[in-house]
N, C-alpha and C. Protein backbone atom coordinates (compact mmCIF):
# COMPACT_ATOMS: atom_id res chain seq x y z
N MET A 1 -26.78 -6.35 -8.33
CA MET A 1 -26.81 -5.21 -7.43
C MET A 1 -25.39 -4.74 -7.11
N ILE A 2 -24.52 -5.68 -6.76
CA ILE A 2 -23.14 -5.32 -6.44
C ILE A 2 -22.45 -4.76 -7.68
N PHE A 3 -22.63 -5.42 -8.82
CA PHE A 3 -21.95 -5.00 -10.04
C PHE A 3 -22.44 -3.63 -10.49
N LEU A 4 -23.74 -3.40 -10.39
CA LEU A 4 -24.31 -2.13 -10.79
C LEU A 4 -23.79 -1.00 -9.92
N TYR A 5 -23.74 -1.21 -8.61
CA TYR A 5 -23.28 -0.17 -7.69
C TYR A 5 -21.83 0.19 -7.96
N ILE A 6 -20.99 -0.80 -8.16
CA ILE A 6 -19.57 -0.53 -8.40
C ILE A 6 -19.38 0.13 -9.75
N SER A 7 -20.09 -0.30 -10.78
CA SER A 7 -19.91 0.32 -12.10
C SER A 7 -20.41 1.75 -12.11
N ILE A 8 -21.48 2.07 -11.39
CA ILE A 8 -21.95 3.45 -11.29
C ILE A 8 -20.91 4.29 -10.57
N THR A 9 -20.34 3.77 -9.51
CA THR A 9 -19.32 4.50 -8.77
C THR A 9 -18.10 4.74 -9.65
N ILE A 10 -17.73 3.77 -10.46
CA ILE A 10 -16.58 3.92 -11.35
C ILE A 10 -16.83 5.03 -12.36
N LYS A 11 -18.03 5.09 -12.93
CA LYS A 11 -18.33 6.09 -13.95
C LYS A 11 -18.34 7.50 -13.38
N GLU A 12 -18.62 7.66 -12.10
CA GLU A 12 -18.69 8.99 -11.50
C GLU A 12 -17.32 9.54 -11.14
N GLU A 13 -16.30 8.74 -11.08
CA GLU A 13 -14.97 9.18 -10.64
C GLU A 13 -14.20 9.80 -11.79
N ASP A 14 -13.09 10.47 -11.46
CA ASP A 14 -12.23 11.03 -12.50
C ASP A 14 -11.51 9.91 -13.23
N THR A 15 -10.95 10.22 -14.39
CA THR A 15 -10.48 9.18 -15.29
C THR A 15 -9.27 8.42 -14.79
N ASP A 16 -8.29 9.11 -14.19
CA ASP A 16 -7.09 8.38 -13.76
C ASP A 16 -7.38 7.44 -12.61
N PHE A 17 -8.33 7.79 -11.78
CA PHE A 17 -8.67 6.92 -10.67
C PHE A 17 -9.67 5.85 -11.10
N SER A 18 -10.45 6.12 -12.16
CA SER A 18 -11.44 5.14 -12.59
C SER A 18 -10.77 3.91 -13.18
N PHE A 19 -9.62 4.07 -13.85
CA PHE A 19 -8.90 2.91 -14.35
C PHE A 19 -8.51 2.00 -13.20
N PHE A 20 -8.03 2.60 -12.12
CA PHE A 20 -7.66 1.81 -10.95
C PHE A 20 -8.88 1.12 -10.36
N LYS A 21 -10.02 1.81 -10.35
CA LYS A 21 -11.23 1.19 -9.80
C LYS A 21 -11.69 0.03 -10.67
N CYS A 22 -11.52 0.15 -11.99
CA CYS A 22 -11.87 -0.97 -12.86
C CYS A 22 -11.00 -2.17 -12.53
N PHE A 23 -9.71 -1.91 -12.30
CA PHE A 23 -8.80 -2.98 -11.91
C PHE A 23 -9.25 -3.60 -10.58
N LEU A 24 -9.65 -2.75 -9.63
CA LEU A 24 -10.13 -3.25 -8.35
C LEU A 24 -11.42 -4.03 -8.51
N PHE A 25 -12.26 -3.60 -9.44
CA PHE A 25 -13.51 -4.30 -9.68
C PHE A 25 -13.23 -5.72 -10.14
N MET A 26 -12.24 -5.88 -11.03
CA MET A 26 -11.88 -7.22 -11.47
C MET A 26 -11.30 -8.03 -10.31
N ASN A 27 -10.49 -7.39 -9.47
CA ASN A 27 -9.96 -8.09 -8.30
C ASN A 27 -11.07 -8.47 -7.35
N ALA A 28 -12.06 -7.59 -7.19
CA ALA A 28 -13.18 -7.90 -6.31
C ALA A 28 -13.96 -9.09 -6.84
N LEU A 29 -14.12 -9.17 -8.16
CA LEU A 29 -14.82 -10.32 -8.73
C LEU A 29 -14.02 -11.61 -8.51
N GLN A 30 -12.71 -11.53 -8.68
CA GLN A 30 -11.88 -12.70 -8.42
C GLN A 30 -11.94 -13.09 -6.95
N TYR A 31 -11.97 -12.10 -6.08
CA TYR A 31 -12.06 -12.36 -4.65
C TYR A 31 -13.38 -13.05 -4.33
N MET A 32 -14.47 -12.59 -4.96
CA MET A 32 -15.76 -13.21 -4.70
C MET A 32 -15.77 -14.66 -5.17
N ASP A 33 -15.15 -14.93 -6.33
CA ASP A 33 -15.09 -16.30 -6.82
C ASP A 33 -14.28 -17.18 -5.88
N ALA A 34 -13.19 -16.65 -5.36
CA ALA A 34 -12.33 -17.44 -4.49
C ALA A 34 -12.91 -17.56 -3.09
N TYR A 35 -13.62 -16.54 -2.64
CA TYR A 35 -14.06 -16.52 -1.26
C TYR A 35 -15.48 -17.04 -1.12
N ASP A 36 -16.43 -16.26 -1.58
CA ASP A 36 -17.83 -16.66 -1.46
C ASP A 36 -18.66 -15.78 -2.38
N TYR A 37 -19.33 -16.39 -3.33
CA TYR A 37 -20.11 -15.60 -4.27
C TYR A 37 -21.37 -15.02 -3.64
N ARG A 38 -21.73 -15.46 -2.44
CA ARG A 38 -22.92 -14.93 -1.78
C ARG A 38 -22.56 -13.84 -0.78
N MET A 39 -21.39 -13.25 -0.92
CA MET A 39 -20.94 -12.22 0.00
C MET A 39 -21.89 -11.03 -0.07
N ASN A 40 -22.21 -10.48 1.09
CA ASN A 40 -23.13 -9.33 1.07
C ASN A 40 -22.41 -8.07 0.62
N LEU A 41 -23.18 -7.07 0.26
CA LEU A 41 -22.63 -5.84 -0.31
C LEU A 41 -21.75 -5.10 0.68
N GLY A 42 -22.11 -5.09 1.95
CA GLY A 42 -21.30 -4.40 2.96
C GLY A 42 -19.91 -4.99 3.08
N LYS A 43 -19.83 -6.32 3.07
CA LYS A 43 -18.52 -6.97 3.17
C LYS A 43 -17.68 -6.71 1.93
N LEU A 44 -18.32 -6.72 0.76
CA LEU A 44 -17.59 -6.43 -0.47
C LEU A 44 -17.05 -5.00 -0.46
N LYS A 45 -17.85 -4.04 -0.02
CA LYS A 45 -17.39 -2.65 0.07
C LYS A 45 -16.19 -2.54 1.00
N LYS A 46 -16.25 -3.25 2.11
CA LYS A 46 -15.14 -3.21 3.07
C LYS A 46 -13.87 -3.79 2.46
N GLU A 47 -14.00 -4.89 1.74
CA GLU A 47 -12.83 -5.52 1.11
C GLU A 47 -12.24 -4.62 0.02
N VAL A 48 -13.09 -3.99 -0.79
CA VAL A 48 -12.60 -3.10 -1.84
C VAL A 48 -11.93 -1.88 -1.21
N ASN A 49 -12.50 -1.35 -0.13
CA ASN A 49 -11.87 -0.23 0.59
C ASN A 49 -10.49 -0.62 1.09
N ASN A 50 -10.36 -1.82 1.62
CA ASN A 50 -9.05 -2.28 2.10
C ASN A 50 -8.04 -2.38 0.95
N ILE A 51 -8.50 -2.86 -0.21
CA ILE A 51 -7.61 -2.96 -1.36
C ILE A 51 -7.15 -1.57 -1.80
N ILE A 52 -8.07 -0.60 -1.80
CA ILE A 52 -7.71 0.77 -2.18
C ILE A 52 -6.69 1.34 -1.22
N LEU A 53 -6.88 1.13 0.08
CA LEU A 53 -5.93 1.65 1.06
C LEU A 53 -4.56 1.00 0.93
N ILE A 54 -4.54 -0.31 0.71
CA ILE A 54 -3.27 -1.01 0.54
C ILE A 54 -2.56 -0.52 -0.71
N TYR A 55 -3.31 -0.33 -1.79
CA TYR A 55 -2.70 0.21 -3.01
C TYR A 55 -2.10 1.59 -2.75
N GLY A 56 -2.82 2.43 -2.03
CA GLY A 56 -2.32 3.77 -1.73
C GLY A 56 -1.04 3.74 -0.93
N LEU A 57 -0.98 2.89 0.08
CA LEU A 57 0.23 2.79 0.89
C LEU A 57 1.40 2.24 0.08
N CYS A 58 1.13 1.23 -0.76
CA CYS A 58 2.20 0.68 -1.60
C CYS A 58 2.72 1.74 -2.57
N ASP A 59 1.83 2.53 -3.13
CA ASP A 59 2.25 3.58 -4.04
C ASP A 59 3.08 4.63 -3.32
N MET A 60 2.70 4.98 -2.10
CA MET A 60 3.46 5.97 -1.33
C MET A 60 4.87 5.46 -1.02
N VAL A 61 4.98 4.21 -0.62
CA VAL A 61 6.31 3.64 -0.33
C VAL A 61 7.13 3.57 -1.61
N ASN A 62 6.50 3.22 -2.72
CA ASN A 62 7.21 3.17 -3.99
C ASN A 62 7.73 4.55 -4.39
N ARG A 63 6.92 5.59 -4.19
CA ARG A 63 7.38 6.94 -4.50
C ARG A 63 8.54 7.35 -3.60
N ALA A 64 8.47 6.98 -2.32
CA ALA A 64 9.58 7.30 -1.42
C ALA A 64 10.85 6.56 -1.83
N MET A 65 10.71 5.31 -2.24
CA MET A 65 11.90 4.56 -2.68
C MET A 65 12.46 5.15 -3.97
N THR A 66 11.61 5.65 -4.84
CA THR A 66 12.09 6.32 -6.05
C THR A 66 12.85 7.58 -5.70
N LEU A 67 12.37 8.33 -4.72
CA LEU A 67 13.09 9.52 -4.27
C LEU A 67 14.45 9.15 -3.69
N VAL A 68 14.50 8.04 -2.94
CA VAL A 68 15.79 7.59 -2.40
C VAL A 68 16.75 7.26 -3.55
N LYS A 69 16.25 6.61 -4.57
CA LYS A 69 17.11 6.19 -5.68
C LYS A 69 17.66 7.38 -6.47
N TYR A 70 16.82 8.35 -6.76
CA TYR A 70 17.23 9.40 -7.69
C TYR A 70 17.63 10.72 -7.03
N PHE A 71 17.24 10.96 -5.80
CA PHE A 71 17.50 12.26 -5.19
C PHE A 71 18.37 12.21 -3.94
N THR A 72 18.93 11.06 -3.63
CA THR A 72 19.85 10.96 -2.51
C THR A 72 21.26 11.21 -3.03
N PRO A 73 22.01 12.08 -2.38
CA PRO A 73 23.36 12.37 -2.87
C PRO A 73 24.29 11.16 -2.73
N ASN A 74 25.16 10.99 -3.70
CA ASN A 74 26.26 10.02 -3.72
C ASN A 74 25.85 8.57 -3.89
N PHE A 75 25.09 8.00 -2.97
CA PHE A 75 24.85 6.55 -2.97
C PHE A 75 23.38 6.18 -3.19
N GLY A 76 22.63 6.96 -3.94
CA GLY A 76 21.19 6.74 -4.10
C GLY A 76 20.84 5.36 -4.63
N THR A 77 21.51 4.93 -5.69
CA THR A 77 21.18 3.63 -6.26
C THR A 77 21.59 2.49 -5.32
N GLU A 78 22.69 2.66 -4.61
CA GLU A 78 23.09 1.63 -3.64
C GLU A 78 22.10 1.55 -2.49
N TYR A 79 21.64 2.70 -2.01
CA TYR A 79 20.62 2.71 -0.95
C TYR A 79 19.35 2.02 -1.43
N TYR A 80 18.96 2.33 -2.66
CA TYR A 80 17.76 1.70 -3.22
C TYR A 80 17.94 0.19 -3.32
N ASP A 81 19.10 -0.25 -3.79
CA ASP A 81 19.36 -1.69 -3.91
C ASP A 81 19.31 -2.38 -2.55
N VAL A 82 19.87 -1.74 -1.53
CA VAL A 82 19.84 -2.31 -0.18
C VAL A 82 18.40 -2.40 0.32
N LEU A 83 17.64 -1.32 0.16
CA LEU A 83 16.24 -1.33 0.62
C LEU A 83 15.42 -2.37 -0.14
N TYR A 84 15.59 -2.41 -1.45
CA TYR A 84 14.83 -3.36 -2.25
C TYR A 84 15.19 -4.80 -1.88
N SER A 85 16.47 -5.06 -1.71
CA SER A 85 16.90 -6.42 -1.38
C SER A 85 16.43 -6.85 0.00
N CYS A 86 16.40 -5.92 0.94
CA CYS A 86 16.01 -6.28 2.31
C CYS A 86 14.50 -6.40 2.49
N PHE A 87 13.73 -5.54 1.82
CA PHE A 87 12.31 -5.43 2.17
C PHE A 87 11.33 -5.68 1.05
N CYS A 88 11.74 -5.67 -0.21
CA CYS A 88 10.77 -5.72 -1.31
C CYS A 88 10.84 -6.98 -2.16
N ARG A 89 11.65 -7.91 -1.82
CA ARG A 89 11.77 -9.13 -2.61
C ARG A 89 10.63 -10.09 -2.29
N HIS A 90 10.34 -10.95 -3.24
CA HIS A 90 9.32 -11.97 -3.01
C HIS A 90 9.81 -13.01 -2.01
N ARG A 91 11.09 -13.29 -2.06
CA ARG A 91 11.67 -14.29 -1.17
C ARG A 91 12.49 -13.58 -0.10
N LYS A 92 12.26 -13.92 1.14
CA LYS A 92 13.01 -13.33 2.25
C LYS A 92 14.44 -13.85 2.18
N MET A 93 15.39 -12.91 2.17
CA MET A 93 16.80 -13.28 2.11
C MET A 93 17.47 -12.88 3.41
N ALA A 94 18.45 -13.65 3.81
CA ALA A 94 19.25 -13.31 4.98
C ALA A 94 20.18 -12.16 4.62
N ASP A 95 20.61 -11.43 5.64
CA ASP A 95 21.50 -10.30 5.41
C ASP A 95 22.81 -10.74 4.75
N MET A 96 23.29 -11.91 5.09
CA MET A 96 24.54 -12.41 4.51
C MET A 96 24.37 -12.64 3.00
N GLU A 97 23.23 -13.18 2.58
CA GLU A 97 22.98 -13.38 1.15
C GLU A 97 22.93 -12.04 0.41
N ILE A 98 22.30 -11.06 1.03
CA ILE A 98 22.20 -9.73 0.41
C ILE A 98 23.58 -9.10 0.31
N MET A 99 24.39 -9.25 1.36
CA MET A 99 25.75 -8.70 1.32
C MET A 99 26.56 -9.32 0.20
N LEU A 100 26.45 -10.63 0.04
CA LEU A 100 27.18 -11.31 -1.04
C LEU A 100 26.68 -10.87 -2.41
N GLU A 101 25.37 -10.73 -2.53
CA GLU A 101 24.79 -10.32 -3.81
C GLU A 101 25.22 -8.90 -4.20
N LEU A 102 25.22 -8.00 -3.22
CA LEU A 102 25.57 -6.61 -3.50
C LEU A 102 27.08 -6.36 -3.44
N GLY A 103 27.83 -7.33 -2.95
CA GLY A 103 29.28 -7.19 -2.88
C GLY A 103 29.73 -6.17 -1.85
N MET A 104 29.12 -6.20 -0.68
CA MET A 104 29.45 -5.25 0.38
C MET A 104 29.99 -5.99 1.59
N SER A 105 30.83 -5.29 2.33
CA SER A 105 31.28 -5.85 3.60
C SER A 105 30.16 -5.70 4.62
N ARG A 106 30.31 -6.39 5.73
CA ARG A 106 29.28 -6.37 6.77
C ARG A 106 29.07 -4.95 7.32
N ALA A 107 30.16 -4.28 7.66
CA ALA A 107 30.06 -2.93 8.23
C ALA A 107 29.47 -1.95 7.22
N ASN A 108 29.92 -2.05 5.98
CA ASN A 108 29.41 -1.16 4.94
C ASN A 108 27.93 -1.41 4.67
N PHE A 109 27.52 -2.68 4.67
CA PHE A 109 26.11 -3.02 4.43
C PHE A 109 25.22 -2.43 5.52
N TYR A 110 25.56 -2.64 6.77
CA TYR A 110 24.71 -2.14 7.85
C TYR A 110 24.74 -0.61 7.92
N ARG A 111 25.86 0.00 7.58
CA ARG A 111 25.93 1.46 7.54
C ARG A 111 25.01 2.00 6.45
N LYS A 112 25.05 1.38 5.29
CA LYS A 112 24.20 1.84 4.18
C LYS A 112 22.73 1.51 4.43
N LYS A 113 22.46 0.40 5.08
CA LYS A 113 21.07 0.06 5.39
C LYS A 113 20.48 1.08 6.36
N LYS A 114 21.26 1.47 7.36
CA LYS A 114 20.80 2.46 8.33
C LYS A 114 20.57 3.81 7.66
N ALA A 115 21.51 4.22 6.82
CA ALA A 115 21.36 5.50 6.12
C ALA A 115 20.20 5.46 5.14
N ALA A 116 20.02 4.33 4.45
CA ALA A 116 18.92 4.21 3.50
C ALA A 116 17.57 4.29 4.20
N LEU A 117 17.45 3.65 5.35
CA LEU A 117 16.19 3.74 6.11
C LEU A 117 15.96 5.16 6.61
N ARG A 118 17.02 5.85 6.97
CA ARG A 118 16.89 7.24 7.41
C ARG A 118 16.39 8.12 6.26
N TYR A 119 16.98 7.96 5.07
CA TYR A 119 16.53 8.73 3.91
C TYR A 119 15.09 8.35 3.53
N LEU A 120 14.79 7.06 3.57
CA LEU A 120 13.43 6.62 3.23
C LEU A 120 12.41 7.24 4.17
N GLY A 121 12.70 7.22 5.46
CA GLY A 121 11.79 7.83 6.43
C GLY A 121 11.63 9.32 6.21
N TYR A 122 12.73 10.00 5.91
CA TYR A 122 12.65 11.44 5.67
C TYR A 122 11.79 11.72 4.44
N TYR A 123 12.09 11.05 3.32
CA TYR A 123 11.33 11.30 2.10
C TYR A 123 9.87 10.91 2.27
N PHE A 124 9.62 9.82 2.99
CA PHE A 124 8.24 9.37 3.15
C PHE A 124 7.43 10.37 3.96
N PHE A 125 7.93 10.75 5.13
CA PHE A 125 7.13 11.59 6.01
C PHE A 125 7.20 13.08 5.68
N GLU A 126 8.27 13.54 5.04
CA GLU A 126 8.40 14.96 4.75
C GLU A 126 7.95 15.34 3.34
N ILE A 127 7.95 14.40 2.41
CA ILE A 127 7.59 14.73 1.04
C ILE A 127 6.36 13.96 0.57
N VAL A 128 6.39 12.64 0.69
CA VAL A 128 5.32 11.82 0.11
C VAL A 128 4.01 11.97 0.87
N VAL A 129 4.04 11.88 2.18
CA VAL A 129 2.79 11.97 2.95
C VAL A 129 2.11 13.32 2.77
N PRO A 130 2.82 14.46 2.86
CA PRO A 130 2.13 15.73 2.61
C PRO A 130 1.57 15.85 1.19
N GLN A 131 2.27 15.30 0.19
CA GLN A 131 1.75 15.35 -1.18
C GLN A 131 0.53 14.45 -1.34
N SER A 132 0.45 13.38 -0.57
CA SER A 132 -0.65 12.43 -0.70
C SER A 132 -1.90 12.87 0.03
N ALA A 133 -1.83 13.96 0.76
CA ALA A 133 -3.02 14.41 1.49
C ALA A 133 -4.15 14.76 0.54
N ASN A 134 -3.83 15.20 -0.67
CA ASN A 134 -4.85 15.59 -1.63
C ASN A 134 -5.23 14.47 -2.59
N LYS A 135 -4.54 13.36 -2.55
CA LYS A 135 -4.83 12.26 -3.47
C LYS A 135 -6.01 11.46 -3.00
N ARG A 136 -6.56 10.68 -3.93
CA ARG A 136 -7.77 9.94 -3.63
C ARG A 136 -7.47 8.48 -3.34
N TYR A 137 -6.63 8.22 -2.36
CA TYR A 137 -6.40 6.84 -1.97
C TYR A 137 -7.24 6.48 -0.76
N LYS A 138 -8.21 7.30 -0.49
CA LYS A 138 -9.10 7.04 0.63
C LYS A 138 -10.22 6.13 0.15
N PRO A 139 -10.86 5.39 1.03
CA PRO A 139 -11.98 4.56 0.59
C PRO A 139 -13.08 5.41 -0.01
N SER A 140 -13.62 4.96 -1.12
CA SER A 140 -14.66 5.73 -1.78
C SER A 140 -16.05 5.23 -1.45
N PHE A 141 -16.14 4.06 -0.85
CA PHE A 141 -17.44 3.53 -0.48
C PHE A 141 -17.68 3.78 0.99
N PRO A 142 -18.91 4.03 1.38
CA PRO A 142 -19.18 4.19 2.81
C PRO A 142 -18.95 2.88 3.55
N GLU A 143 -18.51 2.97 4.77
CA GLU A 143 -18.16 1.79 5.56
C GLU A 143 -19.37 1.14 6.23
N THR A 144 -20.54 1.69 6.06
CA THR A 144 -21.72 1.17 6.75
C THR A 144 -22.18 -0.13 6.12
N GLU A 145 -22.67 -1.00 6.93
CA GLU A 145 -23.21 -2.27 6.45
C GLU A 145 -24.62 -2.04 5.94
N GLU A 146 -24.99 -2.73 4.86
CA GLU A 146 -26.35 -2.61 4.33
C GLU A 146 -27.10 -3.90 4.52
C-alpha cells in the first residue's frame, strides 16, 4: 500500500522532480528498515514531507552560497571559503583553526565572516527566496493521518 501510493505519486510528477522523489523513496525505505517496518502510512508521509522540506532548504542555502562565491565583488571566493569552513563542514572547527587554515589574521577573519554573512543574507532573502516561490519544494503528500 505504501509503495504503491508513493510510486503512483512519483509517476504523476514532472520529470526533474520525479528523480528526486525516487531518491526520497529509497531513503524512505531505508528509514523504514532502520526505524520500524510497521510504520503507518500517515507517519511515512510526514517523514517524506520533512525530507522534501529539508532538501529544499539545503538547496536554497547552497544556491545562496554559490551566489556569494561567484557574484560578490572582490572577495567572493574568500567569503565562500569562510562560510563553508565555519558552517558547512562535517567536523565543527574552532575559529582559530579556520583562521590558520585560511591564513587570515583574527581581525581580517572576523571582518570577512561578518561581510560574508551579510552577503549571504542578502542573496538568500532577496534573490533565492523569491525565485523559490514557484519551485516544488513543498510537501506533495497531504499531512492528514490515515
